[in-house]
Protein backbone atom coordinates (compact mmCIF):
# COMPACT_ATOMS: atom_id res chain seq x y z
CA UNK A 1 0.00 0.00 0.00
CA UNK A 2 2.95 2.26 0.50
CA UNK A 3 3.30 2.33 -3.32
CA UNK A 4 -0.28 3.40 -4.01
CA UNK A 5 0.62 7.02 -4.65
CA UNK A 6 3.57 6.29 -6.92
CA UNK A 7 1.60 3.72 -8.92
CA UNK A 8 -1.08 6.20 -10.04
CA UNK A 9 -3.79 4.62 -7.90
CA UNK A 10 -6.77 6.68 -6.82
CA UNK A 11 -7.62 6.51 -3.11
CA UNK A 12 -11.10 7.41 -1.90
CA UNK A 13 -13.27 7.42 1.19
CA UNK A 14 -16.66 5.88 0.32
CA UNK A 15 -19.99 6.92 1.82
CA UNK A 16 -23.60 6.22 0.85
CA UNK A 17 -26.06 7.62 3.40
CA UNK A 18 -25.09 6.11 6.76
CA UNK A 19 -22.85 3.47 5.17
CA UNK A 20 -19.13 4.14 4.86
CA UNK A 21 -15.91 2.28 4.01
CA UNK A 22 -12.59 3.83 5.01
CA UNK A 23 -10.57 3.34 1.82
CA UNK A 24 -11.31 2.51 -1.79
CA UNK A 25 -8.22 1.89 -3.89
CA UNK A 26 -8.90 2.23 -7.63
CA UNK A 27 -6.93 1.86 -10.83
CA UNK A 28 -8.64 1.64 -14.19
CA UNK A 29 -11.89 -0.27 -13.54
CA UNK A 30 -10.59 -2.33 -10.62
CA UNK A 31 -11.24 -1.53 -6.97
CA UNK A 32 -10.22 -2.79 -3.54
CA UNK A 33 -12.23 -1.96 -0.42
CA UNK A 34 -10.33 -1.54 2.85
CA UNK A 35 -12.08 -1.12 6.20
CA UNK A 36 -10.10 -0.16 9.31
CA UNK A 37 -11.56 -1.48 12.58
CA UNK A 38 -10.56 -0.75 16.15
CA UNK A 39 -12.68 -3.66 17.46
CA UNK A 40 -12.19 -7.40 16.89
CA UNK A 41 -14.79 -7.44 14.11
CA UNK A 42 -13.56 -9.00 10.86
CA UNK A 43 -16.31 -7.35 8.80
CA UNK A 44 -19.19 -4.90 9.04
CA UNK A 45 -22.48 -4.20 7.29
CA UNK A 46 -20.99 -1.39 5.22
CA UNK A 47 -18.29 -3.58 3.74
CA UNK A 48 -20.78 -6.39 3.04
CA UNK A 49 -23.13 -3.91 1.30
CA UNK A 50 -20.30 -2.48 -0.82
CA UNK A 51 -19.16 -5.99 -1.82
CA UNK A 52 -22.66 -6.98 -2.89
CA UNK A 53 -23.25 -3.78 -4.85
CA UNK A 54 -19.88 -3.03 -6.46
CA UNK A 55 -18.11 -6.43 -6.53
CA UNK A 56 -14.60 -5.18 -5.70
CA UNK A 57 -11.61 -7.25 -6.79
CA UNK A 58 -10.56 -7.45 -3.16
CA UNK A 59 -11.92 -6.46 0.23
CA UNK A 60 -10.19 -6.65 3.56
CA UNK A 61 -10.30 -5.50 7.14
CA UNK A 62 -7.34 -3.89 8.86
CA UNK A 63 -7.20 -4.02 12.65
CA UNK A 64 -7.62 -6.49 15.51
CA UNK A 65 -10.05 -8.73 13.60
CA UNK A 66 -8.11 -8.68 10.32
CA UNK A 67 -4.76 -7.76 8.82
CA UNK A 68 -2.33 -5.70 10.88
CA UNK A 69 -1.58 -2.10 9.90
CA UNK A 70 2.07 -3.07 9.44
CA UNK A 71 1.14 -5.89 7.05
CA UNK A 72 -1.17 -3.80 4.85
CA UNK A 73 1.57 -1.20 4.37
CA UNK A 74 3.80 -3.91 2.89
CA UNK A 75 1.20 -5.16 0.38
CA UNK A 76 1.76 -4.37 -3.28
CA UNK A 77 -1.45 -2.56 -4.35
CA UNK A 78 -1.37 -4.31 -7.74
CA UNK A 79 -1.86 -7.65 -5.97
CA UNK A 80 -5.02 -6.36 -4.28
CA UNK A 81 -6.54 -5.40 -7.61
CA UNK A 82 -5.61 -8.67 -9.30
CA UNK A 83 -7.08 -10.94 -6.62
């Protein structure tokens, strides 16, 4: 993820009414949804809704119930979009 800016990826915050996902990583027509959680939850209703509606190439949770912040920073963004 550290290479997202140098790889010409677009990074967004997504919101639809009361639903929100922390990060959307986009390049061309591919997207990855990334939700950051402070609790032990591995998912949430917002992420499930976004997955059902937009069918991202990848979705993941960062935090206690998912991937560590250190690990996500080491991920090549291209791998997220080619999952």
